Amino acid sequence: MFRPSRKSREGEDRFLAWKVRLFVTGAVAAFAGMAMSLSWLVWVGIAVLAVAVVLRFLPPRD
C-alpha cells in the first residue's frame, strides 16, 4: 500500500501561497469559460494553471 510521508523534503515552500492562488484563479477562470462557452477564458485558465506548474520546478530557498 502506498503511504506517503508527511515529512518536508526540502524545507518550507516559498511559492506555496502563490501556487494555491494561481490554482484557484485558473480553475475558476477555466470553469467560468466552460460555463459561458468562452474559449478564450478557458485558455486563460489553462495558462494560469501552467504558470502554477512552472512554479513547481523553481529551486527551493537556501
PDB file of N, CA and C in Angstrom:
ATOM      1  N   MET A   1       0.847  -1.174   0.000  1.00  0.00           N
ATOM      2  CA  MET A   1       0.000   0.000   0.000  1.00  0.00           C
ATOM      3  C   MET A   1       0.894   1.239   0.000  1.00  0.00           C
ATOM      4  N   PHE A   2       0.496   2.225  -0.746  1.00  0.00           N
ATOM      5  CA  PHE A   2       1.256   3.469  -0.836  1.00  0.00           C
ATOM      6  C   PHE A   2       0.917   4.367   0.342  1.00  0.00           C
ATOM      7  N   ARG A   3       1.940   4.717   1.114  1.00  0.00           N
ATOM      8  CA  ARG A   3       1.739   5.603   2.271  1.00  0.00           C
ATOM      9  C   ARG A   3       2.762   6.731   2.210  1.00  0.00           C
ATOM     10  N   PRO A   4       2.366   7.879   1.696  1.00  0.00           N
ATOM     11  CA  PRO A   4       3.320   8.991   1.593  1.00  0.00           C
ATOM     12  C   PRO A   4       3.711   9.528   2.968  1.00  0.00           C
ATOM     13  N   SER A   5       4.933   9.995   3.041  1.00  0.00           N
ATOM     14  CA  SER A   5       5.426  10.578   4.279  1.00  0.00           C
ATOM     15  C   SER A   5       4.964  12.030   4.390  1.00  0.00           C
ATOM     16  N   ARG A   6       4.713  12.480   5.591  1.00  0.00           N
ATOM     17  CA  ARG A   6       4.315  13.866   5.813  1.00  0.00           C
ATOM     18  C   ARG A   6       5.512  14.765   6.127  1.00  0.00           C
ATOM     19  N   LYS A   7       6.701  14.193   6.126  1.00  0.00           N
ATOM     20  CA  LYS A   7       7.888  14.993   6.401  1.00  0.00           C
ATOM     21  C   LYS A   7       8.211  15.883   5.211  1.00  0.00           C
ATOM     22  N   SER A   8       8.651  17.097   5.502  1.00  0.00           N
ATOM     23  CA  SER A   8       9.048  18.031   4.462  1.00  0.00           C
ATOM     24  C   SER A   8      10.389  17.612   3.897  1.00  0.00           C
ATOM     25  N   ARG A   9      10.483  17.586   2.598  1.00  0.00           N
ATOM     26  CA  ARG A   9      11.712  17.128   1.955  1.00  0.00           C
ATOM     27  C   ARG A   9      12.773  18.214   1.862  1.00  0.00           C
ATOM     28  N   GLU A  10      12.352  19.415   1.499  1.00  0.00           N
ATOM     29  CA  GLU A  10      13.318  20.474   1.215  1.00  0.00           C
ATOM     30  C   GLU A  10      13.071  21.727   2.028  1.00  0.00           C
ATOM     31  N   GLY A  11      12.374  21.632   3.096  1.00  0.00           N
ATOM     32  CA  GLY A  11      12.086  22.817   3.884  1.00  0.00           C
ATOM     33  C   GLY A  11      10.803  23.474   3.426  1.00  0.00           C
ATOM     34  N   GLU A  12      10.622  24.701   3.847  1.00  0.00           N
ATOM     35  CA  GLU A  12       9.403  25.446   3.543  1.00  0.00           C
ATOM     36  C   GLU A  12       9.346  25.805   2.062  1.00  0.00           C
ATOM     37  N   ASP A  13       8.168  25.680   1.471  1.00  0.00           N
ATOM     38  CA  ASP A  13       7.969  26.028   0.064  1.00  0.00           C
ATOM     39  C   ASP A  13       7.631  27.507  -0.023  1.00  0.00           C
ATOM     40  N   ARG A  14       8.532  28.279  -0.597  1.00  0.00           N
ATOM     41  CA  ARG A  14       8.329  29.730  -0.631  1.00  0.00           C
ATOM     42  C   ARG A  14       7.240  30.153  -1.612  1.00  0.00           C
ATOM     43  N   PHE A  15       6.851  29.270  -2.521  1.00  0.00           N
ATOM     44  CA  PHE A  15       5.830  29.609  -3.502  1.00  0.00           C
ATOM     45  C   PHE A  15       4.491  28.937  -3.228  1.00  0.00           C
ATOM     46  N   LEU A  16       4.316  28.339  -2.067  1.00  0.00           N
ATOM     47  CA  LEU A  16       3.080  27.610  -1.787  1.00  0.00           C
ATOM     48  C   LEU A  16       1.850  28.512  -1.871  1.00  0.00           C
ATOM     49  N   ALA A  17       1.924  29.685  -1.289  1.00  0.00           N
ATOM     50  CA  ALA A  17       0.772  30.597  -1.331  1.00  0.00           C
ATOM     51  C   ALA A  17       0.450  30.996  -2.773  1.00  0.00           C
ATOM     52  N   TRP A  18       1.475  31.248  -3.569  1.00  0.00           N
ATOM     53  CA  TRP A  18       1.239  31.611  -4.966  1.00  0.00           C
ATOM     54  C   TRP A  18       0.669  30.448  -5.754  1.00  0.00           C
ATOM     55  N   LYS A  19       1.138  29.243  -5.490  1.00  0.00           N
ATOM     56  CA  LYS A  19       0.610  28.068  -6.183  1.00  0.00           C
ATOM     57  C   LYS A  19      -0.877  27.892  -5.903  1.00  0.00           C
ATOM     58  N   VAL A  20      -1.271  28.072  -4.650  1.00  0.00           N
ATOM     59  CA  VAL A  20      -2.679  27.918  -4.283  1.00  0.00           C
ATOM     60  C   VAL A  20      -3.510  29.011  -4.943  1.00  0.00           C
ATOM     61  N   ARG A  21      -3.043  30.233  -4.889  1.00  0.00           N
ATOM     62  CA  ARG A  21      -3.783  31.342  -5.511  1.00  0.00           C
ATOM     63  C   ARG A  21      -3.941  31.135  -7.015  1.00  0.00           C
ATOM     64  N   LEU A  22      -2.850  30.731  -7.670  1.00  0.00           N
ATOM     65  CA  LEU A  22      -2.908  30.523  -9.109  1.00  0.00           C
ATOM     66  C   LEU A  22      -3.814  29.349  -9.464  1.00  0.00           C
ATOM     67  N   PHE A  23      -3.783  28.296  -8.660  1.00  0.00           N
ATOM     68  CA  PHE A  23      -4.660  27.161  -8.920  1.00  0.00           C
ATOM     69  C   PHE A  23      -6.127  27.573  -8.833  1.00  0.00           C
ATOM     70  N   VAL A  24      -6.469  28.281  -7.784  1.00  0.00           N
ATOM     71  CA  VAL A  24      -7.862  28.702  -7.612  1.00  0.00           C
ATOM     72  C   VAL A  24      -8.281  29.648  -8.741  1.00  0.00           C
ATOM     73  N   THR A  25      -7.435  30.608  -9.065  1.00  0.00           N
ATOM     74  CA  THR A  25      -7.744  31.559 -10.126  1.00  0.00           C
ATOM     75  C   THR A  25      -7.896  30.862 -11.475  1.00  0.00           C
ATOM     76  N   GLY A  26      -6.947  29.981 -11.791  1.00  0.00           N
ATOM     77  CA  GLY A  26      -7.007  29.258 -13.061  1.00  0.00           C
ATOM     78  C   GLY A  26      -8.207  28.349 -13.154  1.00  0.00           C
ATOM     79  N   ALA A  27      -8.531  27.655 -12.074  1.00  0.00           N
ATOM     80  CA  ALA A  27      -9.677  26.751 -12.085  1.00  0.00           C
ATOM     81  C   ALA A  27     -10.983  27.522 -12.242  1.00  0.00           C
ATOM     82  N   VAL A  28     -11.125  28.629 -11.526  1.00  0.00           N
ATOM     83  CA  VAL A  28     -12.342  29.442 -11.638  1.00  0.00           C
ATOM     84  C   VAL A  28     -12.473  30.006 -13.051  1.00  0.00           C
ATOM     85  N   ALA A  29     -11.378  30.498 -13.611  1.00  0.00           N
ATOM     86  CA  ALA A  29     -11.426  31.050 -14.971  1.00  0.00           C
ATOM     87  C   ALA A  29     -11.793  29.965 -15.984  1.00  0.00           C
ATOM     88  N   ALA A  30     -11.204  28.792 -15.860  1.00  0.00           N
ATOM     89  CA  ALA A  30     -11.498  27.716 -16.805  1.00  0.00           C
ATOM     90  C   ALA A  30     -12.951  27.258 -16.686  1.00  0.00           C
ATOM     91  N   PHE A  31     -13.433  27.067 -15.467  1.00  0.00           N
ATOM     92  CA  PHE A  31     -14.828  26.645 -15.290  1.00  0.00           C
ATOM     93  C   PHE A  31     -15.807  27.724 -15.756  1.00  0.00           C
ATOM     94  N   ALA A  32     -15.485  28.985 -15.491  1.00  0.00           N
ATOM     95  CA  ALA A  32     -16.353  30.066 -15.954  1.00  0.00           C
ATOM     96  C   ALA A  32     -16.369  30.111 -17.480  1.00  0.00           C
ATOM     97  N   GLY A  33     -15.218  29.904 -18.084  1.00  0.00           N
ATOM     98  CA  GLY A  33     -15.163  29.871 -19.547  1.00  0.00           C
ATOM     99  C   GLY A  33     -15.967  28.730 -20.130  1.00  0.00           C
ATOM    100  N   MET A  34     -15.927  27.563 -19.479  1.00  0.00           N
ATOM    101  CA  MET A  34     -16.732  26.434 -19.955  1.00  0.00           C
ATOM    102  C   MET A  34     -18.222  26.712 -19.767  1.00  0.00           C
ATOM    103  N   ALA A  35     -18.576  27.293 -18.637  1.00  0.00           N
ATOM    104  CA  ALA A  35     -19.989  27.560 -18.359  1.00  0.00           C
ATOM    105  C   ALA A  35     -20.570  28.602 -19.315  1.00  0.00           C
ATOM    106  N   MET A  36     -19.755  29.588 -19.689  1.00  0.00           N
ATOM    107  CA  MET A  36     -20.231  30.657 -20.572  1.00  0.00           C
ATOM    108  C   MET A  36     -19.863  30.439 -22.036  1.00  0.00           C
ATOM    109  N   SER A  37     -19.256  29.305 -22.336  1.00  0.00           N
ATOM    110  CA  SER A  37     -18.830  28.963 -23.704  1.00  0.00           C
ATOM    111  C   SER A  37     -17.897  30.019 -24.289  1.00  0.00           C
ATOM    112  N   LEU A  38     -16.962  30.466 -23.472  1.00  0.00           N
ATOM    113  CA  LEU A  38     -15.961  31.434 -23.923  1.00  0.00           C
ATOM    114  C   LEU A  38     -14.601  30.729 -23.983  1.00  0.00           C
ATOM    115  N   SER A  39     -14.221  30.345 -25.184  1.00  0.00           N
ATOM    116  CA  SER A  39     -12.985  29.574 -25.313  1.00  0.00           C
ATOM    117  C   SER A  39     -11.758  30.369 -24.879  1.00  0.00           C
ATOM    118  N   TRP A  40     -11.776  31.677 -25.069  1.00  0.00           N
ATOM    119  CA  TRP A  40     -10.614  32.467 -24.665  1.00  0.00           C
ATOM    120  C   TRP A  40     -10.430  32.446 -23.153  1.00  0.00           C
ATOM    121  N   LEU A  41     -11.530  32.400 -22.414  1.00  0.00           N
ATOM    122  CA  LEU A  41     -11.441  32.370 -20.955  1.00  0.00           C
ATOM    123  C   LEU A  41     -10.948  31.007 -20.475  1.00  0.00           C
ATOM    124  N   VAL A  42     -11.317  29.961 -21.187  1.00  0.00           N
ATOM    125  CA  VAL A  42     -10.789  28.628 -20.870  1.00  0.00           C
ATOM    126  C   VAL A  42      -9.279  28.618 -21.071  1.00  0.00           C
ATOM    127  N   TRP A  43      -8.809  29.201 -22.161  1.00  0.00           N
ATOM    128  CA  TRP A  43      -7.366  29.240 -22.430  1.00  0.00           C
ATOM    129  C   TRP A  43      -6.618  30.106 -21.412  1.00  0.00           C
ATOM    130  N   VAL A  44      -7.251  31.167 -20.949  1.00  0.00           N
ATOM    131  CA  VAL A  44      -6.642  31.979 -19.884  1.00  0.00           C
ATOM    132  C   VAL A  44      -6.498  31.134 -18.629  1.00  0.00           C
ATOM    133  N   GLY A  45      -7.515  30.385 -18.280  1.00  0.00           N
ATOM    134  CA  GLY A  45      -7.447  29.500 -17.118  1.00  0.00           C
ATOM    135  C   GLY A  45      -6.349  28.457 -17.258  1.00  0.00           C
ATOM    136  N   ILE A  46      -6.227  27.880 -18.444  1.00  0.00           N
ATOM    137  CA  ILE A  46      -5.165  26.891 -18.689  1.00  0.00           C
ATOM    138  C   ILE A  46      -3.797  27.538 -18.568  1.00  0.00           C
ATOM    139  N   ALA A  47      -3.645  28.749 -19.072  1.00  0.00           N
ATOM    140  CA  ALA A  47      -2.361  29.447 -18.987  1.00  0.00           C
ATOM    141  C   ALA A  47      -1.993  29.743 -17.529  1.00  0.00           C
ATOM    142  N   VAL A  48      -2.968  30.145 -16.732  1.00  0.00           N
ATOM    143  CA  VAL A  48      -2.704  30.420 -15.314  1.00  0.00           C
ATOM    144  C   VAL A  48      -2.298  29.132 -14.601  1.00  0.00           C
ATOM    145  N   LEU A  49      -2.968  28.034 -14.904  1.00  0.00           N
ATOM    146  CA  LEU A  49      -2.598  26.748 -14.308  1.00  0.00           C
ATOM    147  C   LEU A  49      -1.199  26.320 -14.748  1.00  0.00           C
ATOM    148  N   ALA A  50      -0.818  26.620 -15.985  1.00  0.00           N
ATOM    149  CA  ALA A  50       0.519  26.285 -16.471  1.00  0.00           C
ATOM    150  C   ALA A  50       1.592  27.065 -15.709  1.00  0.00           C
ATOM    151  N   VAL A  51       1.309  28.318 -15.392  1.00  0.00           N
ATOM    152  CA  VAL A  51       2.255  29.108 -14.597  1.00  0.00           C
ATOM    153  C   VAL A  51       2.448  28.476 -13.226  1.00  0.00           C
ATOM    154  N   ALA A  52       1.371  27.979 -12.641  1.00  0.00           N
ATOM    155  CA  ALA A  52       1.469  27.316 -11.339  1.00  0.00           C
ATOM    156  C   ALA A  52       2.324  26.047 -11.431  1.00  0.00           C
ATOM    157  N   VAL A  53       2.226  25.332 -12.537  1.00  0.00           N
ATOM    158  CA  VAL A  53       3.051  24.133 -12.724  1.00  0.00           C
ATOM    159  C   VAL A  53       4.520  24.514 -12.851  1.00  0.00           C
ATOM    160  N   VAL A  54       4.807  25.606 -13.536  1.00  0.00           N
ATOM    161  CA  VAL A  54       6.197  26.056 -13.684  1.00  0.00           C
ATOM    162  C   VAL A  54       6.790  26.409 -12.320  1.00  0.00           C
ATOM    163  N   LEU A  55       5.999  26.974 -11.434  1.00  0.00           N
ATOM    164  CA  LEU A  55       6.497  27.291 -10.083  1.00  0.00           C
ATOM    165  C   LEU A  55       6.959  26.043  -9.332  1.00  0.00           C
ATOM    166  N   ARG A  56       6.404  24.906  -9.706  1.00  0.00           N
ATOM    167  CA  ARG A  56       6.789  23.639  -9.045  1.00  0.00           C
ATOM    168  C   ARG A  56       8.267  23.324  -9.257  1.00  0.00           C
ATOM    169  N   PHE A  57       8.821  23.755 -10.375  1.00  0.00           N
ATOM    170  CA  PHE A  57      10.179  23.389 -10.740  1.00  0.00           C
ATOM    171  C   PHE A  57      11.230  24.426 -10.373  1.00  0.00           C
ATOM    172  N   LEU A  58      10.828  25.511  -9.724  1.00  0.00           N
ATOM    173  CA  LEU A  58      11.814  26.504  -9.292  1.00  0.00           C
ATOM    174  C   LEU A  58      12.588  25.964  -8.094  1.00  0.00           C
ATOM    175  N   PRO A  59      13.838  26.343  -7.958  1.00  0.00           N
ATOM    176  CA  PRO A  59      14.641  25.818  -6.857  1.00  0.00           C
ATOM    177  C   PRO A  59      14.151  26.290  -5.497  1.00  0.00           C
ATOM    178  N   PRO A  60      14.338  25.459  -4.471  1.00  0.00           N
ATOM    179  CA  PRO A  60      13.900  25.834  -3.117  1.00  0.00           C
ATOM    180  C   PRO A  60      14.775  26.928  -2.530  1.00  0.00           C
ATOM    181  N   ARG A  61      14.280  27.547  -1.482  1.00  0.00           N
ATOM    182  CA  ARG A  61      15.015  28.598  -0.777  1.00  0.00           C
ATOM    183  C   ARG A  61      16.224  27.994  -0.092  1.00  0.00           C
ATOM    184  N   ASP A  62      17.306  28.733  -0.065  1.00  0.00           N
ATOM    185  CA  ASP A  62      18.550  28.252   0.595  1.00  0.00           C
ATOM    186  C   ASP A  62      18.444  28.308   2.086  1.00  0.00           C
TER     187      ASP A  62
END
